Amino acid sequence: MPAASTRTCIGCRRPAAAASLVRLVVRDGRVEIAAAGRGARSGRGASIHPTEACARAAIKQRAFGRAFRRAVDGPGESAAEVAAFTLAVVEAGARAAESLGSNDTSTAQEQTGRTTP
């Protein structure tokens, strides 16, 4: 059986199984969350843990330009934009777990010390 694919979270910079991360893509110059279960979108992507801590860290570190290796319009640093992006990442992680039929939230618990909704 082949080993699980690993990716590095752009928020905490820790490697994790690709299935436990949310995939980000650039569409029309803006960072978007890739739909779970729709197959891989061609081109450069980035991965992030579906946690508030990693979402906030990625914004604070301005990790999007480095991850995509070009200037992109990522979420801004206003409280509203941070909250909206954080919520979207956490919800995408929950949807992905549901679509896989997985109730394993150990990665989220390790990152934040609490479970994801």
PDB file of N, CA and C in Angstrom:
ATOM      1  N   MET A   1       0.845  -1.181   0.000  1.00  0.00           N
ATOM      2  CA  MET A   1       0.000   0.000   0.000  1.00  0.00           C
ATOM      3  C   MET A   1       0.889   1.242   0.000  1.00  0.00           C
ATOM      4  N   PRO A   2       0.672   2.183  -0.937  1.00  0.00           N
ATOM      5  CA  PRO A   2       1.521   3.373  -1.004  1.00  0.00           C
ATOM      6  C   PRO A   2       1.287   4.291   0.193  1.00  0.00           C
ATOM      7  N   ALA A   3       2.326   5.034   0.541  1.00  0.00           N
ATOM      8  CA  ALA A   3       2.237   5.988   1.649  1.00  0.00           C
ATOM      9  C   ALA A   3       1.302   7.130   1.273  1.00  0.00           C
ATOM     10  N   ALA A   4       0.652   7.696   2.281  1.00  0.00           N
ATOM     11  CA  ALA A   4      -0.251   8.824   2.054  1.00  0.00           C
ATOM     12  C   ALA A   4       0.557  10.043   1.605  1.00  0.00           C
ATOM     13  N   SER A   5      -0.018  10.806   0.716  1.00  0.00           N
ATOM     14  CA  SER A   5       0.611  12.019   0.228  1.00  0.00           C
ATOM     15  C   SER A   5       0.652  13.060   1.349  1.00  0.00           C
ATOM     16  N   THR A   6       1.778  13.746   1.487  1.00  0.00           N
ATOM     17  CA  THR A   6       1.884  14.782   2.518  1.00  0.00           C
ATOM     18  C   THR A   6       2.060  16.150   1.876  1.00  0.00           C
ATOM     19  N   ARG A   7       1.577  17.142   2.563  1.00  0.00           N
ATOM     20  CA  ARG A   7       1.706  18.537   2.156  1.00  0.00           C
ATOM     21  C   ARG A   7       2.083  19.340   3.390  1.00  0.00           C
ATOM     22  N   THR A   8       2.564  20.564   3.189  1.00  0.00           N
ATOM     23  CA  THR A   8       2.915  21.451   4.294  1.00  0.00           C
ATOM     24  C   THR A   8       1.858  22.536   4.419  1.00  0.00           C
ATOM     25  N   CYS A   9       1.372  22.737   5.624  1.00  0.00           N
ATOM     26  CA  CYS A   9       0.386  23.774   5.903  1.00  0.00           C
ATOM     27  C   CYS A   9       1.068  25.142   5.770  1.00  0.00           C
ATOM     28  N   ILE A  10       0.423  26.082   5.068  1.00  0.00           N
ATOM     29  CA  ILE A  10       1.023  27.410   4.900  1.00  0.00           C
ATOM     30  C   ILE A  10       0.883  28.252   6.161  1.00  0.00           C
ATOM     31  N   GLY A  11       0.058  27.821   7.115  1.00  0.00           N
ATOM     32  CA  GLY A  11      -0.103  28.559   8.361  1.00  0.00           C
ATOM     33  C   GLY A  11       0.944  28.197   9.394  1.00  0.00           C
ATOM     34  N   CYS A  12       1.020  26.912   9.747  1.00  0.00           N
ATOM     35  CA  CYS A  12       1.942  26.473  10.801  1.00  0.00           C
ATOM     36  C   CYS A  12       3.236  25.883  10.248  1.00  0.00           C
ATOM     37  N   ARG A  13       3.294  25.642   8.941  1.00  0.00           N
ATOM     38  CA  ARG A  13       4.473  25.094   8.250  1.00  0.00           C
ATOM     39  C   ARG A  13       4.785  23.661   8.678  1.00  0.00           C
ATOM     40  N   ARG A  14       3.801  22.930   9.203  1.00  0.00           N
ATOM     41  CA  ARG A  14       3.998  21.533   9.581  1.00  0.00           C
ATOM     42  C   ARG A  14       3.474  20.626   8.482  1.00  0.00           C
ATOM     43  N   PRO A  15       4.203  19.532   8.185  1.00  0.00           N
ATOM     44  CA  PRO A  15       3.690  18.576   7.197  1.00  0.00           C
ATOM     45  C   PRO A  15       2.536  17.775   7.774  1.00  0.00           C
ATOM     46  N   ALA A  16       1.593  17.403   6.905  1.00  0.00           N
ATOM     47  CA  ALA A  16       0.440  16.597   7.318  1.00  0.00           C
ATOM     48  C   ALA A  16      -0.071  15.838   6.095  1.00  0.00           C
ATOM     49  N   ALA A  17      -0.866  14.836   6.335  1.00  0.00           N
ATOM     50  CA  ALA A  17      -1.481  14.086   5.240  1.00  0.00           C
ATOM     51  C   ALA A  17      -2.340  15.042   4.412  1.00  0.00           C
ATOM     52  N   ALA A  18      -2.250  14.929   3.106  1.00  0.00           N
ATOM     53  CA  ALA A  18      -2.992  15.828   2.226  1.00  0.00           C
ATOM     54  C   ALA A  18      -4.493  15.762   2.492  1.00  0.00           C
ATOM     55  N   ALA A  19      -4.992  14.597   2.849  1.00  0.00           N
ATOM     56  CA  ALA A  19      -6.423  14.436   3.106  1.00  0.00           C
ATOM     57  C   ALA A  19      -6.889  15.215   4.331  1.00  0.00           C
ATOM     58  N   SER A  20      -5.980  15.577   5.231  1.00  0.00           N
ATOM     59  CA  SER A  20      -6.373  16.310   6.432  1.00  0.00           C
ATOM     60  C   SER A  20      -6.277  17.818   6.259  1.00  0.00           C
ATOM     61  N   LEU A  21      -5.858  18.273   5.086  1.00  0.00           N
ATOM     62  CA  LEU A  21      -5.686  19.697   4.820  1.00  0.00           C
ATOM     63  C   LEU A  21      -6.736  20.196   3.830  1.00  0.00           C
ATOM     64  N   VAL A  22      -6.980  21.494   3.845  1.00  0.00           N
ATOM     65  CA  VAL A  22      -7.879  22.142   2.886  1.00  0.00           C
ATOM     66  C   VAL A  22      -7.004  22.704   1.770  1.00  0.00           C
ATOM     67  N   ARG A  23      -7.392  22.469   0.519  1.00  0.00           N
ATOM     68  CA  ARG A  23      -6.621  22.941  -0.631  1.00  0.00           C
ATOM     69  C   ARG A  23      -7.090  24.329  -1.043  1.00  0.00           C
ATOM     70  N   LEU A  24      -6.127  25.210  -1.244  1.00  0.00           N
ATOM     71  CA  LEU A  24      -6.389  26.570  -1.722  1.00  0.00           C
ATOM     72  C   LEU A  24      -5.887  26.680  -3.149  1.00  0.00           C
ATOM     73  N   VAL A  25      -6.587  27.425  -3.974  1.00  0.00           N
ATOM     74  CA  VAL A  25      -6.189  27.639  -5.364  1.00  0.00           C
ATOM     75  C   VAL A  25      -6.341  29.121  -5.687  1.00  0.00           C
ATOM     76  N   VAL A  26      -5.759  29.531  -6.796  1.00  0.00           N
ATOM     77  CA  VAL A  26      -5.927  30.908  -7.261  1.00  0.00           C
ATOM     78  C   VAL A  26      -6.840  30.871  -8.477  1.00  0.00           C
ATOM     79  N   ARG A  27      -7.888  31.658  -8.420  1.00  0.00           N
ATOM     80  CA  ARG A  27      -8.826  31.759  -9.532  1.00  0.00           C
ATOM     81  C   ARG A  27      -9.055  33.240  -9.785  1.00  0.00           C
ATOM     82  N   ASP A  28      -8.745  33.680 -10.979  1.00  0.00           N
ATOM     83  CA  ASP A  28      -8.881  35.100 -11.344  1.00  0.00           C
ATOM     84  C   ASP A  28      -8.107  36.014 -10.397  1.00  0.00           C
ATOM     85  N   GLY A  29      -6.934  35.554  -9.957  1.00  0.00           N
ATOM     86  CA  GLY A  29      -6.070  36.356  -9.111  1.00  0.00           C
ATOM     87  C   GLY A  29      -6.426  36.376  -7.641  1.00  0.00           C
ATOM     88  N   ARG A  30      -7.506  35.686  -7.249  1.00  0.00           N
ATOM     89  CA  ARG A  30      -7.941  35.648  -5.842  1.00  0.00           C
ATOM     90  C   ARG A  30      -7.770  34.248  -5.273  1.00  0.00           C
ATOM     91  N   VAL A  31      -7.417  34.186  -4.008  1.00  0.00           N
ATOM     92  CA  VAL A  31      -7.288  32.907  -3.315  1.00  0.00           C
ATOM     93  C   VAL A  31      -8.687  32.388  -3.006  1.00  0.00           C
ATOM     94  N   GLU A  32      -8.940  31.124  -3.374  1.00  0.00           N
ATOM     95  CA  GLU A  32     -10.222  30.493  -3.099  1.00  0.00           C
ATOM     96  C   GLU A  32      -9.993  29.112  -2.519  1.00  0.00           C
ATOM     97  N   ILE A  33     -10.981  28.609  -1.843  1.00  0.00           N
ATOM     98  CA  ILE A  33     -10.930  27.256  -1.308  1.00  0.00           C
ATOM     99  C   ILE A  33     -11.444  26.321  -2.382  1.00  0.00           C
ATOM    100  N   ALA A  34     -10.649  25.291  -2.705  1.00  0.00           N
ATOM    101  CA  ALA A  34     -11.046  24.320  -3.720  1.00  0.00           C
ATOM    102  C   ALA A  34     -12.171  23.459  -3.173  1.00  0.00           C
ATOM    103  N   ALA A  35     -13.136  23.153  -4.014  1.00  0.00           N
ATOM    104  CA  ALA A  35     -14.253  22.303  -3.598  1.00  0.00           C
ATOM    105  C   ALA A  35     -13.760  20.889  -3.329  1.00  0.00           C
ATOM    106  N   ALA A  36     -14.155  20.338  -2.214  1.00  0.00           N
ATOM    107  CA  ALA A  36     -13.749  18.971  -1.848  1.00  0.00           C
ATOM    108  C   ALA A  36     -14.421  17.969  -2.769  1.00  0.00           C
ATOM    109  N   GLY A  37     -13.668  16.958  -3.130  1.00  0.00           N
ATOM    110  CA  GLY A  37     -14.225  15.878  -3.931  1.00  0.00           C
ATOM    111  C   GLY A  37     -14.414  16.186  -5.397  1.00  0.00           C
ATOM    112  N   ARG A  38     -13.912  17.299  -5.860  1.00  0.00           N
ATOM    113  CA  ARG A  38     -14.083  17.674  -7.258  1.00  0.00           C
ATOM    114  C   ARG A  38     -12.861  17.346  -8.099  1.00  0.00           C
ATOM    115  N   GLY A  39     -11.899  16.674  -7.530  1.00  0.00           N
ATOM    116  CA  GLY A  39     -10.681  16.369  -8.275  1.00  0.00           C
ATOM    117  C   GLY A  39      -9.713  17.521  -8.189  1.00  0.00           C
ATOM    118  N   ALA A  40      -8.512  17.260  -8.611  1.00  0.00           N
ATOM    119  CA  ALA A  40      -7.459  18.273  -8.512  1.00  0.00           C
ATOM    120  C   ALA A  40      -7.611  19.315  -9.606  1.00  0.00           C
ATOM    121  N   ARG A  41      -7.422  20.543  -9.249  1.00  0.00           N
ATOM    122  CA  ARG A  41      -7.400  21.631 -10.224  1.00  0.00           C
ATOM    123  C   ARG A  41      -5.947  21.795 -10.632  1.00  0.00           C
ATOM    124  N   SER A  42      -5.711  21.936 -11.919  1.00  0.00           N
ATOM    125  CA  SER A  42      -4.340  22.057 -12.387  1.00  0.00           C
ATOM    126  C   SER A  42      -3.719  23.356 -11.901  1.00  0.00           C
ATOM    127  N   GLY A  43      -2.400  23.359 -11.846  1.00  0.00           N
ATOM    128  CA  GLY A  43      -1.693  24.550 -11.418  1.00  0.00           C
ATOM    129  C   GLY A  43      -1.262  24.466  -9.975  1.00  0.00           C
ATOM    130  N   ARG A  44      -0.628  25.522  -9.528  1.00  0.00           N
ATOM    131  CA  ARG A  44      -0.089  25.559  -8.168  1.00  0.00           C
ATOM    132  C   ARG A  44      -1.209  25.735  -7.159  1.00  0.00           C
ATOM    133  N   GLY A  45      -1.135  24.958  -6.112  1.00  0.00           N
ATOM    134  CA  GLY A  45      -2.090  25.054  -5.019  1.00  0.00           C
ATOM    135  C   GLY A  45      -1.337  25.216  -3.711  1.00  0.00           C
ATOM    136  N   ALA A  46      -2.064  25.427  -2.656  1.00  0.00           N
ATOM    137  CA  ALA A  46      -1.493  25.517  -1.317  1.00  0.00           C
ATOM    138  C   ALA A  46      -2.430  24.770  -0.390  1.00  0.00           C
ATOM    139  N   SER A  47      -1.896  24.333   0.732  1.00  0.00           N
ATOM    140  CA  SER A  47      -2.696  23.575   1.689  1.00  0.00           C
ATOM    141  C   SER A  47      -2.637  24.234   3.056  1.00  0.00           C
ATOM    142  N   ILE A  48      -3.729  24.073   3.805  1.00  0.00           N
ATOM    143  CA  ILE A  48      -3.823  24.668   5.132  1.00  0.00           C
ATOM    144  C   ILE A  48      -4.654  23.761   6.021  1.00  0.00           C
ATOM    145  N   HIS A  49      -4.262  23.667   7.310  1.00  0.00           N
ATOM    146  CA  HIS A  49      -5.078  22.915   8.259  1.00  0.00           C
ATOM    147  C   HIS A  49      -6.420  23.631   8.409  1.00  0.00           C
ATOM    148  N   PRO A  50      -7.497  22.894   8.582  1.00  0.00           N
ATOM    149  CA  PRO A  50      -8.806  23.536   8.753  1.00  0.00           C
ATOM    150  C   PRO A  50      -9.020  24.023  10.180  1.00  0.00           C
ATOM    151  N   THR A  51      -8.126  24.909  10.628  1.00  0.00           N
ATOM    152  CA  THR A  51      -8.202  25.441  11.983  1.00  0.00           C
ATOM    153  C   THR A  51      -8.098  26.964  11.970  1.00  0.00           C
ATOM    154  N   GLU A  52      -8.654  27.557  12.982  1.00  0.00           N
ATOM    155  CA  GLU A  52      -8.587  29.011  13.122  1.00  0.00           C
ATOM    156  C   GLU A  52      -7.137  29.470  13.277  1.00  0.00           C
ATOM    157  N   ALA A  53      -6.359  28.725  14.054  1.00  0.00           N
ATOM    158  CA  ALA A  53      -4.967  29.117  14.308  1.00  0.00           C
ATOM    159  C   ALA A  53      -4.152  29.172  13.020  1.00  0.00           C
ATOM    160  N   CYS A  54      -4.295  28.169  12.178  1.00  0.00           N
ATOM    161  CA  CYS A  54      -3.519  28.140  10.936  1.00  0.00           C
ATOM    162  C   CYS A  54      -4.008  29.192   9.933  1.00  0.00           C
ATOM    163  N   ALA A  55      -5.313  29.408   9.873  1.00  0.00           N
ATOM    164  CA  ALA A  55      -5.849  30.431   8.972  1.00  0.00           C
ATOM    165  C   ALA A  55      -5.343  31.816   9.368  1.00  0.00           C
ATOM    166  N   ARG A  56      -5.386  32.118  10.648  1.00  0.00           N
ATOM    167  CA  ARG A  56      -4.901  33.421  11.127  1.00  0.00           C
ATOM    168  C   ARG A  56      -3.396  33.567  10.919  1.00  0.00           C
ATOM    169  N   ALA A  57      -2.645  32.482  11.155  1.00  0.00           N
ATOM    170  CA  ALA A  57      -1.193  32.536  10.963  1.00  0.00           C
ATOM    171  C   ALA A  57      -0.842  32.784   9.500  1.00  0.00           C
ATOM    172  N   ALA A  58      -1.549  32.145   8.582  1.00  0.00           N
ATOM    173  CA  ALA A  58      -1.278  32.333   7.147  1.00  0.00           C
ATOM    174  C   ALA A  58      -1.519  33.792   6.741  1.00  0.00           C
ATOM    175  N   ILE A  59      -2.577  34.386   7.269  1.00  0.00           N
ATOM    176  CA  ILE A  59      -2.869  35.790   6.949  1.00  0.00           C
ATOM    177  C   ILE A  59      -1.803  36.694   7.557  1.00  0.00           C
ATOM    178  N   LYS A  60      -1.492  36.468   8.829  1.00  0.00           N
ATOM    179  CA  LYS A  60      -0.511  37.304   9.513  1.00  0.00           C
ATOM    180  C   LYS A  60       0.855  37.238   8.835  1.00  0.00           C
ATOM    181  N   GLN A  61       1.260  36.043   8.392  1.00  0.00           N
ATOM    182  CA  GLN A  61       2.559  35.841   7.760  1.00  0.00           C
ATOM    183  C   GLN A  61       2.562  36.211   6.268  1.00  0.00           C
ATOM    184  N   ARG A  62       1.387  36.564   5.750  1.00  0.00           N
ATOM    185  CA  ARG A  62       1.250  36.863   4.312  1.00  0.00           C
ATOM    186  C   ARG A  62       1.814  35.720   3.477  1.00  0.00           C
ATOM    187  N   ALA A  63       1.381  34.514   3.805  1.00  0.00           N
ATOM    188  CA  ALA A  63       1.925  33.292   3.211  1.00  0.00           C
ATOM    189  C   ALA A  63       1.411  33.011   1.806  1.00  0.00           C
ATOM    190  N   PHE A  64       0.387  33.684   1.356  1.00  0.00           N
ATOM    191  CA  PHE A  64      -0.242  33.344   0.078  1.00  0.00           C
ATOM    192  C   PHE A  64       0.654  33.624  -1.123  1.00  0.00           C
ATOM    193  N   GLY A  65       1.297  34.774  -1.155  1.00  0.00           N
ATOM    194  CA  GLY A  65       2.196  35.098  -2.264  1.00  0.00           C
ATOM    195  C   GLY A  65       3.345  34.121  -2.376  1.00  0.00           C
ATOM    196  N   ARG A  66       3.917  33.745  -1.244  1.00  0.00           N
ATOM    197  CA  ARG A  66       5.016  32.759  -1.252  1.00  0.00           C
ATOM    198  C   ARG A  66       4.517  31.396  -1.711  1.00  0.00           C
ATOM    199  N   ALA A  67       3.370  30.989  -1.220  1.00  0.00           N
ATOM    200  CA  ALA A  67       2.850  29.661  -1.555  1.00  0.00           C
ATOM    201  C   ALA A  67       2.526  29.542  -3.043  1.00  0.00           C
ATOM    202  N   PHE A  68       1.970  30.586  -3.621  1.00  0.00           N
ATOM    203  CA  PHE A  68       1.581  30.540  -5.026  1.00  0.00           C
ATOM    204  C   PHE A  68       2.664  31.083  -5.962  1.00  0.00           C
ATOM    205  N   ARG A  69       3.736  31.590  -5.377  1.00  0.00           N
ATOM    206  CA  ARG A  69       4.880  32.124  -6.126  1.00  0.00           C
ATOM    207  C   ARG A  69       4.489  33.224  -7.114  1.00  0.00           C
ATOM    208  N   ARG A  70       3.537  34.021  -6.691  1.00  0.00           N
ATOM    209  CA  ARG A  70       3.137  35.205  -7.471  1.00  0.00           C
ATOM    210  C   ARG A  70       2.251  36.082  -6.603  1.00  0.00           C
ATOM    211  N   ALA A  71       2.054  37.295  -7.038  1.00  0.00           N
ATOM    212  CA  ALA A  71       1.188  38.206  -6.291  1.00  0.00           C
ATOM    213  C   ALA A  71      -0.259  37.743  -6.442  1.00  0.00           C
ATOM    214  N   VAL A  72      -0.921  37.575  -5.324  1.00  0.00           N
ATOM    215  CA  VAL A  72      -2.325  37.168  -5.342  1.00  0.00           C
ATOM    216  C   VAL A  72      -3.096  38.055  -4.377  1.00  0.00           C
ATOM    217  N   ASP A  73      -4.388  38.104  -4.579  1.00  0.00           N
ATOM    218  CA  ASP A  73      -5.264  38.870  -3.708  1.00  0.00           C
ATOM    219  C   ASP A  73      -5.808  37.936  -2.640  1.00  0.00           C
ATOM    220  N   GLY A  74      -5.043  37.800  -1.538  1.00  0.00           N
ATOM    221  CA  GLY A  74      -5.462  36.952  -0.421  1.00  0.00           C
ATOM    222  C   GLY A  74      -6.357  37.726   0.515  1.00  0.00           C
ATOM    223  N   PRO A  75      -6.813  37.063   1.559  1.00  0.00           N
ATOM    224  CA  PRO A  75      -7.651  37.778   2.523  1.00  0.00           C
ATOM    225  C   PRO A  75      -6.867  38.901   3.185  1.00  0.00           C
ATOM    226  N   GLY A  76      -7.524  40.012   3.424  1.00  0.00           N
ATOM    227  CA  GLY A  76      -6.883  41.145   4.069  1.00  0.00           C
ATOM    228  C   GLY A  76      -6.772  40.939   5.571  1.00  0.00           C
ATOM    229  N   GLU A  77      -6.243  41.934   6.242  1.00  0.00           N
ATOM    230  CA  GLU A  77      -6.016  41.813   7.683  1.00  0.00           C
ATOM    231  C   GLU A  77      -7.109  42.463   8.515  1.00  0.00           C
ATOM    232  N   SER A  78      -8.175  42.952   7.866  1.00  0.00           N
ATOM    233  CA  SER A  78      -9.270  43.519   8.658  1.00  0.00           C
ATOM    234  C   SER A  78      -9.947  42.393   9.432  1.00  0.00           C
ATOM    235  N   ALA A  79     -10.534  42.728  10.552  1.00  0.00           N
ATOM    236  CA  ALA A  79     -11.172  41.719  11.400  1.00  0.00           C
ATOM    237  C   ALA A  79     -12.241  40.938  10.634  1.00  0.00           C
ATOM    238  N   ALA A  80     -13.005  41.620   9.798  1.00  0.00           N
ATOM    239  CA  ALA A  80     -14.072  40.959   9.046  1.00  0.00           C
ATOM    240  C   ALA A  80     -13.509  39.968   8.024  1.00  0.00           C
ATOM    241  N   GLU A  81     -12.450  40.371   7.313  1.00  0.00           N
ATOM    242  CA  GLU A  81     -11.857  39.478   6.310  1.00  0.00           C
ATOM    243  C   GLU A  81     -11.181  38.281   6.961  1.00  0.00           C
ATOM    244  N   VAL A  82     -10.500  38.489   8.081  1.00  0.00           N
ATOM    245  CA  VAL A  82      -9.866  37.386   8.803  1.00  0.00           C
ATOM    246  C   VAL A  82     -10.930  36.411   9.283  1.00  0.00           C
ATOM    247  N   ALA A  83     -12.003  36.926   9.864  1.00  0.00           N
ATOM    248  CA  ALA A  83     -13.078  36.065  10.373  1.00  0.00           C
ATOM    249  C   ALA A  83     -13.742  35.283   9.248  1.00  0.00           C
ATOM    250  N   ALA A  84     -14.002  35.939   8.122  1.00  0.00           N
ATOM    251  CA  ALA A  84     -14.654  35.256   6.995  1.00  0.00           C
ATOM    252  C   ALA A  84     -13.770  34.147   6.427  1.00  0.00           C
ATOM    253  N   PHE A  85     -12.482  34.421   6.246  1.00  0.00           N
ATOM    254  CA  PHE A  85     -11.566  33.414   5.715  1.00  0.00           C
ATOM    255  C   PHE A  85     -11.418  32.252   6.690  1.00  0.00           C
ATOM    256  N   THR A  86     -11.262  32.563   7.965  1.00  0.00           N
ATOM    257  CA  THR A  86     -11.110  31.537   8.995  1.00  0.00           C
ATOM    258  C   THR A  86     -12.326  30.615   9.013  1.00  0.00           C
ATOM    259  N   LEU A  87     -13.513  31.195   9.002  1.00  0.00           N
ATOM    260  CA  LEU A  87     -14.739  30.405   9.009  1.00  0.00           C
ATOM    261  C   LEU A  87     -14.829  29.535   7.758  1.00  0.00           C
ATOM    262  N   ALA A  88     -14.496  30.089   6.607  1.00  0.00           N
ATOM    263  CA  ALA A  88     -14.559  29.328   5.356  1.00  0.00           C
ATOM    264  C   ALA A  88     -13.604  28.139   5.379  1.00  0.00           C
ATOM    265  N   VAL A  89     -12.400  28.322   5.902  1.00  0.00           N
ATOM    266  CA  VAL A  89     -11.418  27.234   5.965  1.00  0.00           C
ATOM    267  C   VAL A  89     -11.897  26.132   6.909  1.00  0.00           C
ATOM    268  N   VAL A  90     -12.386  26.511   8.082  1.00  0.00           N
ATOM    269  CA  VAL A  90     -12.856  25.522   9.052  1.00  0.00           C
ATOM    270  C   VAL A  90     -14.064  24.763   8.502  1.00  0.00           C
ATOM    271  N   GLU A  91     -15.004  25.465   7.862  1.00  0.00           N
ATOM    272  CA  GLU A  91     -16.172  24.807   7.290  1.00  0.00           C
ATOM    273  C   GLU A  91     -15.788  23.877   6.142  1.00  0.00           C
ATOM    274  N   ALA A  92     -14.822  24.284   5.322  1.00  0.00           N
ATOM    275  CA  ALA A  92     -14.369  23.425   4.227  1.00  0.00           C
ATOM    276  C   ALA A  92     -13.747  22.144   4.768  1.00  0.00           C
ATOM    277  N   GLY A  93     -13.008  22.249   5.839  1.00  0.00           N
ATOM    278  CA  GLY A  93     -12.435  21.064   6.462  1.00  0.00           C
ATOM    279  C   GLY A  93     -13.510  20.130   6.994  1.00  0.00           C
ATOM    280  N   ALA A  94     -14.552  20.687   7.580  1.00  0.00           N
ATOM    281  CA  ALA A  94     -15.655  19.875   8.105  1.00  0.00           C
ATOM    282  C   ALA A  94     -16.402  19.186   6.965  1.00  0.00           C
ATOM    283  N   ARG A  95     -16.639  19.905   5.860  1.00  0.00           N
ATOM    284  CA  ARG A  95     -17.315  19.302   4.704  1.00  0.00           C
ATOM    285  C   ARG A  95     -16.481  18.185   4.102  1.00  0.00           C
ATOM    286  N   ALA A  96     -15.170  18.389   4.020  1.00  0.00           N
ATOM    287  CA  ALA A  96     -14.288  17.366   3.465  1.00  0.00           C
ATOM    288  C   ALA A  96     -14.310  16.115   4.335  1.00  0.00           C
ATOM    289  N   ALA A  97     -14.289  16.291   5.631  1.00  0.00           N
ATOM    290  CA  ALA A  97     -14.333  15.144   6.537  1.00  0.00           C
ATOM    291  C   ALA A  97     -15.646  14.392   6.393  1.00  0.00           C
ATOM    292  N   GLU A  98     -16.744  15.122   6.243  1.00  0.00           N
ATOM    293  CA  GLU A  98     -18.047  14.484   6.057  1.00  0.00           C
ATOM    294  C   GLU A  98     -18.106  13.722   4.744  1.00  0.00           C
ATOM    295  N   SER A  99     -17.573  14.310   3.677  1.00  0.00           N
ATOM    296  CA  SER A  99     -17.631  13.659   2.366  1.00  0.00           C
ATOM    297  C   SER A  99     -16.778  12.402   2.316  1.00  0.00           C
ATOM    298  N   LEU A 100     -15.745  12.345   3.142  1.00  0.00           N
ATOM    299  CA  LEU A 100     -14.916  11.151   3.210  1.00  0.00           C
ATOM    300  C   LEU A 100     -15.481  10.136   4.193  1.00  0.00           C
ATOM    301  N   GLY A 101     -16.533  10.521   4.896  1.00  0.00           N
ATOM    302  CA  GLY A 101     -17.113   9.640   5.891  1.00  0.00           C
ATOM    303  C   GLY A 101     -16.217   9.482   7.096  1.00  0.00           C
ATOM    304  N   SER A 102     -15.383  10.484   7.324  1.00  0.00           N
ATOM    305  CA  SER A 102     -14.419  10.419   8.413  1.00  0.00           C
ATOM    306  C   SER A 102     -14.865  11.293   9.562  1.00  0.00           C
ATOM    307  N   ASN A 103     -14.729  10.780  10.741  1.00  0.00           N
ATOM    308  CA  ASN A 103     -14.988  11.573  11.945  1.00  0.00           C
ATOM    309  C   ASN A 103     -13.689  11.872  12.654  1.00  0.00           C
ATOM    310  N   ASP A 104     -12.548  11.664  11.982  1.00  0.00           N
ATOM    311  CA  ASP A 104     -11.240  11.863  12.597  1.00  0.00           C
ATOM    312  C   ASP A 104     -10.869  13.332  12.552  1.00  0.00           C
ATOM    313  N   THR A 105     -10.866  13.975  13.707  1.00  0.00           N
ATOM    314  CA  THR A 105     -10.504  15.387  13.788  1.00  0.00           C
ATOM    315  C   THR A 105      -9.226  15.563  14.586  1.00  0.00           C
ATOM    316  N   SER A 106      -8.402  14.521  14.650  1.00  0.00           N
ATOM    317  CA  SER A 106      -7.196  14.584  15.474  1.00  0.00           C
ATOM    318  C   SER A 106      -6.250  15.690  15.029  1.00  0.00           C
ATOM    319  N   THR A 107      -6.146  15.943  13.733  1.00  0.00           N
ATOM    320  CA  THR A 107      -5.252  16.997  13.263  1.00  0.00           C
ATOM    321  C   THR A 107      -5.715  18.360  13.770  1.00  0.00           C
ATOM    322  N   ALA A 108      -7.010  18.622  13.692  1.00  0.00           N
ATOM    323  CA  ALA A 108      -7.535  19.897  14.176  1.00  0.00           C
ATOM    324  C   ALA A 108      -7.332  20.014  15.680  1.00  0.00           C
ATOM    325  N   GLN A 109      -7.534  18.919  16.397  1.00  0.00           N
ATOM    326  CA  GLN A 109      -7.349  18.955  17.834  1.00  0.00           C
ATOM    327  C   GLN A 109      -5.894  19.220  18.192  1.00  0.00           C
ATOM    328  N   GLU A 110      -4.960  18.633  17.447  1.00  0.00           N
ATOM    329  CA  GLU A 110      -3.548  18.859  17.707  1.00  0.00           C
ATOM    330  C   GLU A 110      -3.173  20.315  17.469  1.00  0.00           C
ATOM    331  N   GLN A 111      -3.752  20.956  16.460  1.00  0.00           N
ATOM    332  CA  GLN A 111      -3.400  22.320  16.109  1.00  0.00           C
ATOM    333  C   GLN A 111      -3.957  23.355  17.083  1.00  0.00           C
ATOM    334  N   THR A 112      -5.200  23.133  17.548  1.00  0.00           N
ATOM    335  CA  THR A 112      -5.849  24.173  18.347  1.00  0.00           C
ATOM    336  C   THR A 112      -6.143  23.756  19.775  1.00  0.00           C
ATOM    337  N   GLY A 113      -6.051  22.470  20.048  1.00  0.00           N
ATOM    338  CA  GLY A 113      -6.409  21.991  21.372  1.00  0.00           C
ATOM    339  C   GLY A 113      -7.897  21.851  21.565  1.00  0.00           C
ATOM    340  N   ARG A 114      -8.673  22.001  20.488  1.00  0.00           N
ATOM    341  CA  ARG A 114     -10.126  21.836  20.565  1.00  0.00           C
ATOM    342  C   ARG A 114     -10.619  21.230  19.270  1.00  0.00           C
ATOM    343  N   THR A 115     -11.833  20.764  19.277  1.00  0.00           N
ATOM    344  CA  THR A 115     -12.385  20.118  18.094  1.00  0.00           C
ATOM    345  C   THR A 115     -12.986  21.157  17.160  1.00  0.00           C
ATOM    346  N   THR A 116     -13.064  20.797  15.887  1.00  0.00           N
ATOM    347  CA  THR A 116     -13.712  21.668  14.914  1.00  0.00           C
ATOM    348  C   THR A 116     -15.205  21.377  14.924  1.00  0.00           C
ATOM    349  N   PRO A 117     -16.047  22.364  14.611  1.00  0.00           N
ATOM    350  CA  PRO A 117     -17.487  22.153  14.631  1.00  0.00           C
ATOM    351  C   PRO A 117     -17.940  21.215  13.534  1.00  0.00           C
TER     352      PRO A 117
END
